[in-house]
Amino acid sequence: KLNLYRAAADLFDQVGPDTDTLGEVSSIS
């Protein structure tokens, strides 16, 4: 979750409210 978001944050068009606070992504849709 942490490493994926750190490496690919710019590829997401939109993220949820806790994504940047936690620095992670657990759901991709």
PDB file of all heavy atoms in Angstrom:
ATOM      1  N   LYS A   1       0.812  -1.226   0.000  1.00  0.00           N
ATOM      2  CA  LYS A   1       0.000   0.000   0.000  1.00  0.00           C
ATOM      3  C   LYS A   1       0.844   1.275   0.000  1.00  0.00           C
ATOM      4  O   LYS A   1       0.550   2.224  -0.738  1.00  0.00           O
ATOM      5  CB  LYS A   1      -0.938  -0.013   1.209  1.00  0.00           C
ATOM      6  CG  LYS A   1      -2.026  -1.052   1.141  1.00  0.00           C
ATOM      7  CD  LYS A   1      -2.928  -1.022   2.350  1.00  0.00           C
ATOM      8  CE  LYS A   1      -2.256  -1.611   3.572  1.00  0.00           C
ATOM      9  NZ  LYS A   1      -3.219  -1.795   4.694  1.00  0.00           N
ATOM     10  N   LEU A   2       1.865   1.312   0.833  1.00  0.00           N
ATOM     11  CA  LEU A   2       2.708   2.510   0.940  1.00  0.00           C
ATOM     12  C   LEU A   2       3.607   2.660  -0.285  1.00  0.00           C
ATOM     13  O   LEU A   2       3.671   3.736  -0.896  1.00  0.00           O
ATOM     14  CB  LEU A   2       3.551   2.440   2.213  1.00  0.00           C
ATOM     15  CG  LEU A   2       2.809   2.585   3.535  1.00  0.00           C
ATOM     16  CD1 LEU A   2       3.702   2.130   4.696  1.00  0.00           C
ATOM     17  CD2 LEU A   2       2.385   4.030   3.761  1.00  0.00           C
ATOM     18  N   ASN A   3       4.312   1.599  -0.625  1.00  0.00           N
ATOM     19  CA  ASN A   3       5.263   1.687  -1.727  1.00  0.00           C
ATOM     20  C   ASN A   3       4.577   1.941  -3.064  1.00  0.00           C
ATOM     21  O   ASN A   3       5.103   2.672  -3.908  1.00  0.00           O
ATOM     22  CB  ASN A   3       6.088   0.401  -1.804  1.00  0.00           C
ATOM     23  CG  ASN A   3       7.133   0.311  -0.702  1.00  0.00           C
ATOM     24  OD1 ASN A   3       7.521   1.325  -0.134  1.00  0.00           O
ATOM     25  ND2 ASN A   3       7.572  -0.884  -0.387  1.00  0.00           N
ATOM     26  N   LEU A   4       3.411   1.329  -3.262  1.00  0.00           N
ATOM     27  CA  LEU A   4       2.705   1.532  -4.528  1.00  0.00           C
ATOM     28  C   LEU A   4       2.292   2.991  -4.687  1.00  0.00           C
ATOM     29  O   LEU A   4       2.486   3.584  -5.757  1.00  0.00           O
ATOM     30  CB  LEU A   4       1.502   0.597  -4.602  1.00  0.00           C
ATOM     31  CG  LEU A   4       0.683   0.663  -5.891  1.00  0.00           C
ATOM     32  CD1 LEU A   4       0.174  -0.722  -6.279  1.00  0.00           C
ATOM     33  CD2 LEU A   4      -0.517   1.602  -5.741  1.00  0.00           C
ATOM     34  N   TYR A   5       1.757   3.564  -3.629  1.00  0.00           N
ATOM     35  CA  TYR A   5       1.318   4.963  -3.754  1.00  0.00           C
ATOM     36  C   TYR A   5       2.512   5.900  -3.886  1.00  0.00           C
ATOM     37  O   TYR A   5       2.467   6.873  -4.656  1.00  0.00           O
ATOM     38  CB  TYR A   5       0.467   5.355  -2.547  1.00  0.00           C
ATOM     39  CG  TYR A   5      -0.142   6.734  -2.696  1.00  0.00           C
ATOM     40  CD1 TYR A   5      -0.971   7.029  -3.767  1.00  0.00           C
ATOM     41  CD2 TYR A   5       0.129   7.741  -1.773  1.00  0.00           C
ATOM     42  CE1 TYR A   5      -1.527   8.293  -3.915  1.00  0.00           C
ATOM     43  CE2 TYR A   5      -0.419   8.999  -1.918  1.00  0.00           C
ATOM     44  CZ  TYR A   5      -1.247   9.279  -2.990  1.00  0.00           C
ATOM     45  OH  TYR A   5      -1.790  10.532  -3.139  1.00  0.00           O
ATOM     46  N   ARG A   6       3.583   5.600  -3.169  1.00  0.00           N
ATOM     47  CA  ARG A   6       4.777   6.441  -3.261  1.00  0.00           C
ATOM     48  C   ARG A   6       5.329   6.437  -4.686  1.00  0.00           C
ATOM     49  O   ARG A   6       5.781   7.470  -5.193  1.00  0.00           O
ATOM     50  CB  ARG A   6       5.832   5.932  -2.271  1.00  0.00           C
ATOM     51  CG  ARG A   6       7.048   6.825  -2.143  1.00  0.00           C
ATOM     52  CD  ARG A   6       8.031   6.273  -1.131  1.00  0.00           C
ATOM     53  NE  ARG A   6       7.457   6.260   0.203  1.00  0.00           N
ATOM     54  CZ  ARG A   6       7.318   5.163   0.938  1.00  0.00           C
ATOM     55  NH1 ARG A   6       7.686   3.990   0.463  1.00  0.00           N
ATOM     56  NH2 ARG A   6       6.801   5.224   2.151  1.00  0.00           N
ATOM     57  N   ALA A   7       5.273   5.283  -5.339  1.00  0.00           N
ATOM     58  CA  ALA A   7       5.847   5.165  -6.684  1.00  0.00           C
ATOM     59  C   ALA A   7       4.924   5.671  -7.784  1.00  0.00           C
ATOM     60  O   ALA A   7       5.400   6.122  -8.830  1.00  0.00           O
ATOM     61  CB  ALA A   7       6.204   3.704  -6.963  1.00  0.00           C
ATOM     62  N   ALA A   8       3.611   5.612  -7.557  1.00  0.00           N
ATOM     63  CA  ALA A   8       2.666   5.847  -8.658  1.00  0.00           C
ATOM     64  C   ALA A   8       1.591   6.864  -8.333  1.00  0.00           C
ATOM     65  O   ALA A   8       0.546   6.894  -8.992  1.00  0.00           O
ATOM     66  CB  ALA A   8       2.024   4.518  -9.060  1.00  0.00           C
ATOM     67  N   ALA A   9       1.810   7.726  -7.365  1.00  0.00           N
ATOM     68  CA  ALA A   9       0.779   8.690  -6.958  1.00  0.00           C
ATOM     69  C   ALA A   9       0.304   9.547  -8.127  1.00  0.00           C
ATOM     70  O   ALA A   9      -0.890   9.863  -8.243  1.00  0.00           O
ATOM     71  CB  ALA A   9       1.298   9.577  -5.830  1.00  0.00           C
ATOM     72  N   ASP A  10       1.210   9.905  -9.016  1.00  0.00           N
ATOM     73  CA  ASP A  10       0.848  10.800 -10.121  1.00  0.00           C
ATOM     74  C   ASP A  10      -0.036  10.129 -11.159  1.00  0.00           C
ATOM     75  O   ASP A  10      -0.627  10.821 -12.006  1.00  0.00           O
ATOM     76  CB  ASP A  10       2.117  11.336 -10.790  1.00  0.00           C
ATOM     77  CG  ASP A  10       2.959  10.224 -11.399  1.00  0.00           C
ATOM     78  OD1 ASP A  10       3.427   9.356 -10.631  1.00  0.00           O
ATOM     79  OD2 ASP A  10       3.159  10.214 -12.631  1.00  0.00           O
ATOM     80  N   LEU A  11      -0.148   8.799 -11.128  1.00  0.00           N
ATOM     81  CA  LEU A  11      -0.969   8.094 -12.111  1.00  0.00           C
ATOM     82  C   LEU A  11      -2.451   8.089 -11.736  1.00  0.00           C
ATOM     83  O   LEU A  11      -3.294   7.778 -12.571  1.00  0.00           O
ATOM     84  CB  LEU A  11      -0.482   6.647 -12.261  1.00  0.00           C
ATOM     85  CG  LEU A  11       0.951   6.478 -12.795  1.00  0.00           C
ATOM     86  CD1 LEU A  11       1.321   5.002 -12.850  1.00  0.00           C
ATOM     87  CD2 LEU A  11       1.094   7.122 -14.174  1.00  0.00           C
ATOM     88  N   PHE A  12      -2.758   8.441 -10.495  1.00  0.00           N
ATOM     89  CA  PHE A  12      -4.154   8.487 -10.074  1.00  0.00           C
ATOM     90  C   PHE A  12      -4.764   9.839 -10.430  1.00  0.00           C
ATOM     91  O   PHE A  12      -4.171  10.897 -10.205  1.00  0.00           O
ATOM     92  CB  PHE A  12      -4.266   8.248  -8.567  1.00  0.00           C
ATOM     93  CG  PHE A  12      -3.936   6.841  -8.155  1.00  0.00           C
ATOM     94  CD1 PHE A  12      -2.647   6.503  -7.751  1.00  0.00           C
ATOM     95  CD2 PHE A  12      -4.894   5.841  -8.200  1.00  0.00           C
ATOM     96  CE1 PHE A  12      -2.330   5.208  -7.396  1.00  0.00           C
ATOM     97  CE2 PHE A  12      -4.594   4.540  -7.844  1.00  0.00           C
ATOM     98  CZ  PHE A  12      -3.296   4.223  -7.435  1.00  0.00           C
ATOM     99  N   ASP A  13      -5.965   9.777 -10.985  1.00  0.00           N
ATOM    100  CA  ASP A  13      -6.670  11.005 -11.341  1.00  0.00           C
ATOM    101  C   ASP A  13      -7.327  11.642 -10.120  1.00  0.00           C
ATOM    102  O   ASP A  13      -7.541  12.854 -10.088  1.00  0.00           O
ATOM    103  CB  ASP A  13      -7.733  10.706 -12.398  1.00  0.00           C
ATOM    104  CG  ASP A  13      -7.130  10.163 -13.686  1.00  0.00           C
ATOM    105  OD1 ASP A  13      -6.268  10.845 -14.259  1.00  0.00           O
ATOM    106  OD2 ASP A  13      -7.513   9.056 -14.097  1.00  0.00           O
ATOM    107  N   GLN A  14      -7.651  10.824  -9.140  1.00  0.00           N
ATOM    108  CA  GLN A  14      -8.301  11.315  -7.924  1.00  0.00           C
ATOM    109  C   GLN A  14      -8.013  10.331  -6.804  1.00  0.00           C
ATOM    110  O   GLN A  14      -7.879   9.125  -7.035  1.00  0.00           O
ATOM    111  CB  GLN A  14      -9.820  11.429  -8.126  1.00  0.00           C
ATOM    112  CG  GLN A  14     -10.580  12.029  -6.955  1.00  0.00           C
ATOM    113  CD  GLN A  14     -12.080  12.074  -7.219  1.00  0.00           C
ATOM    114  OE1 GLN A  14     -12.543  11.688  -8.293  1.00  0.00           O
ATOM    115  NE2 GLN A  14     -12.848  12.525  -6.238  1.00  0.00           N
ATOM    116  N   VAL A  15      -7.892  10.849  -5.583  1.00  0.00           N
ATOM    117  CA  VAL A  15      -7.672   9.970  -4.432  1.00  0.00           C
ATOM    118  C   VAL A  15      -8.641  10.339  -3.320  1.00  0.00           C
ATOM    119  O   VAL A  15      -9.196  11.447  -3.286  1.00  0.00           O
ATOM    120  CB  VAL A  15      -6.220  10.042  -3.914  1.00  0.00           C
ATOM    121  CG1 VAL A  15      -5.240   9.524  -4.955  1.00  0.00           C
ATOM    122  CG2 VAL A  15      -5.860  11.462  -3.471  1.00  0.00           C
ATOM    123  N   GLY A  16      -8.833   9.405  -2.398  1.00  0.00           N
ATOM    124  CA  GLY A  16      -9.752   9.612  -1.288  1.00  0.00           C
ATOM    125  C   GLY A  16      -9.191  10.523  -0.211  1.00  0.00           C
ATOM    126  O   GLY A  16      -8.008  10.879  -0.234  1.00  0.00           O
ATOM    127  N   PRO A  17     -10.016  10.880   0.770  1.00  0.00           N
ATOM    128  CA  PRO A  17      -9.632  11.877   1.772  1.00  0.00           C
ATOM    129  C   PRO A  17      -8.501  11.430   2.694  1.00  0.00           C
ATOM    130  O   PRO A  17      -7.798  12.275   3.248  1.00  0.00           O
ATOM    131  CB  PRO A  17     -10.932  12.101   2.557  1.00  0.00           C
ATOM    132  CG  PRO A  17     -11.747  10.864   2.337  1.00  0.00           C
ATOM    133  CD  PRO A  17     -11.411  10.429   0.952  1.00  0.00           C
ATOM    134  N   ASP A  18      -8.301  10.118   2.869  1.00  0.00           N
ATOM    135  CA  ASP A  18      -7.266   9.633   3.781  1.00  0.00           C
ATOM    136  C   ASP A  18      -5.999   9.188   3.069  1.00  0.00           C
ATOM    137  O   ASP A  18      -5.021   8.817   3.717  1.00  0.00           O
ATOM    138  CB  ASP A  18      -7.802   8.461   4.610  1.00  0.00           C
ATOM    139  CG  ASP A  18      -8.869   8.898   5.602  1.00  0.00           C
ATOM    140  OD1 ASP A  18      -8.671   9.922   6.263  1.00  0.00           O
ATOM    141  OD2 ASP A  18      -9.897   8.210   5.703  1.00  0.00           O
ATOM    142  N   THR A  19      -6.011   9.232   1.754  1.00  0.00           N
ATOM    143  CA  THR A  19      -4.894   8.676   0.997  1.00  0.00           C
ATOM    144  C   THR A  19      -3.593   9.421   1.273  1.00  0.00           C
ATOM    145  O   THR A  19      -2.559   8.816   1.561  1.00  0.00           O
ATOM    146  CB  THR A  19      -5.211   8.697  -0.504  1.00  0.00           C
ATOM    147  OG1 THR A  19      -6.440   8.003  -0.725  1.00  0.00           O
ATOM    148  CG2 THR A  19      -4.113   8.018  -1.303  1.00  0.00           C
ATOM    149  N   ASP A  20      -3.624  10.728   1.192  1.00  0.00           N
ATOM    150  CA  ASP A  20      -2.402  11.492   1.419  1.00  0.00           C
ATOM    151  C   ASP A  20      -2.006  11.505   2.891  1.00  0.00           C
ATOM    152  O   ASP A  20      -0.813  11.510   3.216  1.00  0.00           O
ATOM    153  CB  ASP A  20      -2.569  12.923   0.904  1.00  0.00           C
ATOM    154  CG  ASP A  20      -2.560  12.988  -0.628  1.00  0.00           C
ATOM    155  OD1 ASP A  20      -1.827  12.185  -1.240  1.00  0.00           O
ATOM    156  OD2 ASP A  20      -3.283  13.815  -1.194  1.00  0.00           O
ATOM    157  N   THR A  21      -2.987  11.519   3.794  1.00  0.00           N
ATOM    158  CA  THR A  21      -2.658  11.500   5.224  1.00  0.00           C
ATOM    159  C   THR A  21      -1.911  10.234   5.590  1.00  0.00           C
ATOM    160  O   THR A  21      -0.901  10.266   6.306  1.00  0.00           O
ATOM    161  CB  THR A  21      -3.940  11.601   6.068  1.00  0.00           C
ATOM    162  OG1 THR A  21      -4.616  12.822   5.752  1.00  0.00           O
ATOM    163  CG2 THR A  21      -3.610  11.588   7.558  1.00  0.00           C
ATOM    164  N   LEU A  22      -2.395   9.095   5.093  1.00  0.00           N
ATOM    165  CA  LEU A  22      -1.757   7.816   5.390  1.00  0.00           C
ATOM    166  C   LEU A  22      -0.618   7.498   4.422  1.00  0.00           C
ATOM    167  O   LEU A  22       0.199   6.623   4.693  1.00  0.00           O
ATOM    168  CB  LEU A  22      -2.792   6.686   5.331  1.00  0.00           C
ATOM    169  CG  LEU A  22      -3.884   6.735   6.402  1.00  0.00           C
ATOM    170  CD1 LEU A  22      -4.923   5.663   6.139  1.00  0.00           C
ATOM    171  CD2 LEU A  22      -3.285   6.555   7.790  1.00  0.00           C
ATOM    172  N   GLY A  23      -0.591   8.187   3.287  1.00  0.00           N
ATOM    173  CA  GLY A  23       0.446   7.934   2.297  1.00  0.00           C
ATOM    174  C   GLY A  23       0.346   6.569   1.655  1.00  0.00           C
ATOM    175  O   GLY A  23       1.361   5.962   1.300  1.00  0.00           O
ATOM    176  N   GLU A  24      -0.887   6.081   1.477  1.00  0.00           N
ATOM    177  CA  GLU A  24      -1.059   4.728   0.955  1.00  0.00           C
ATOM    178  C   GLU A  24      -2.346   4.607   0.153  1.00  0.00           C
ATOM    179  O   GLU A  24      -3.259   5.429   0.288  1.00  0.00           O
ATOM    180  CB  GLU A  24      -1.077   3.709   2.091  1.00  0.00           C
ATOM    181  CG  GLU A  24      -2.299   3.831   2.990  1.00  0.00           C
ATOM    182  CD  GLU A  24      -2.334   2.777   4.098  1.00  0.00           C
ATOM    183  OE1 GLU A  24      -1.270   2.500   4.673  1.00  0.00           O
ATOM    184  OE2 GLU A  24      -3.435   2.254   4.376  1.00  0.00           O
ATOM    185  N   VAL A  25      -2.392   3.556  -0.653  1.00  0.00           N
ATOM    186  CA  VAL A  25      -3.591   3.188  -1.403  1.00  0.00           C
ATOM    187  C   VAL A  25      -3.859   1.710  -1.168  1.00  0.00           C
ATOM    188  O   VAL A  25      -2.975   0.881  -1.359  1.00  0.00           O
ATOM    189  CB  VAL A  25      -3.416   3.465  -2.908  1.00  0.00           C
ATOM    190  CG1 VAL A  25      -4.359   2.611  -3.731  1.00  0.00           C
ATOM    191  CG2 VAL A  25      -3.660   4.922  -3.228  1.00  0.00           C
ATOM    192  N   SER A  26      -5.068   1.390  -0.722  1.00  0.00           N
ATOM    193  CA  SER A  26      -5.455  -0.013  -0.570  1.00  0.00           C
ATOM    194  C   SER A  26      -6.535  -0.402  -1.563  1.00  0.00           C
ATOM    195  O   SER A  26      -6.812  -1.593  -1.738  1.00  0.00           O
ATOM    196  CB  SER A  26      -5.950  -0.286   0.855  1.00  0.00           C
ATOM    197  OG  SER A  26      -7.053   0.552   1.177  1.00  0.00           O
ATOM    198  N   SER A  27      -7.153   0.573  -2.213  1.00  0.00           N
ATOM    199  CA  SER A  27      -8.235   0.312  -3.164  1.00  0.00           C
ATOM    200  C   SER A  27      -7.977   1.107  -4.441  1.00  0.00           C
ATOM    201  O   SER A  27      -7.744   2.318  -4.397  1.00  0.00           O
ATOM    202  CB  SER A  27      -9.578   0.738  -2.561  1.00  0.00           C
ATOM    203  OG  SER A  27     -10.617   0.696  -3.525  1.00  0.00           O
ATOM    204  N   ILE A  28      -7.992   0.399  -5.572  1.00  0.00           N
ATOM    205  CA  ILE A  28      -7.868   1.033  -6.883  1.00  0.00           C
ATOM    206  C   ILE A  28      -9.146   0.741  -7.654  1.00  0.00           C
ATOM    207  O   ILE A  28      -9.550  -0.417  -7.799  1.00  0.00           O
ATOM    208  CB  ILE A  28      -6.652   0.482  -7.657  1.00  0.00           C
ATOM    209  CG1 ILE A  28      -5.351   0.733  -6.886  1.00  0.00           C
ATOM    210  CG2 ILE A  28      -6.577   1.121  -9.049  1.00  0.00           C
ATOM    211  CD1 ILE A  28      -4.131   0.083  -7.521  1.00  0.00           C
ATOM    212  N   SER A  29      -9.806   1.787  -8.133  1.00  0.00           N
ATOM    213  CA  SER A  29     -11.049   1.605  -8.875  1.00  0.00           C
ATOM    214  C   SER A  29     -11.120   2.661  -9.977  1.00  0.00           C
ATOM    215  O   SER A  29     -10.224   3.493 -10.132  1.00  0.00           O
ATOM    216  CB  SER A  29     -12.262   1.724  -7.929  1.00  0.00           C
ATOM    217  OG  SER A  29     -12.290   2.995  -7.308  1.00  0.00           O
TER     218      SER A  29
END
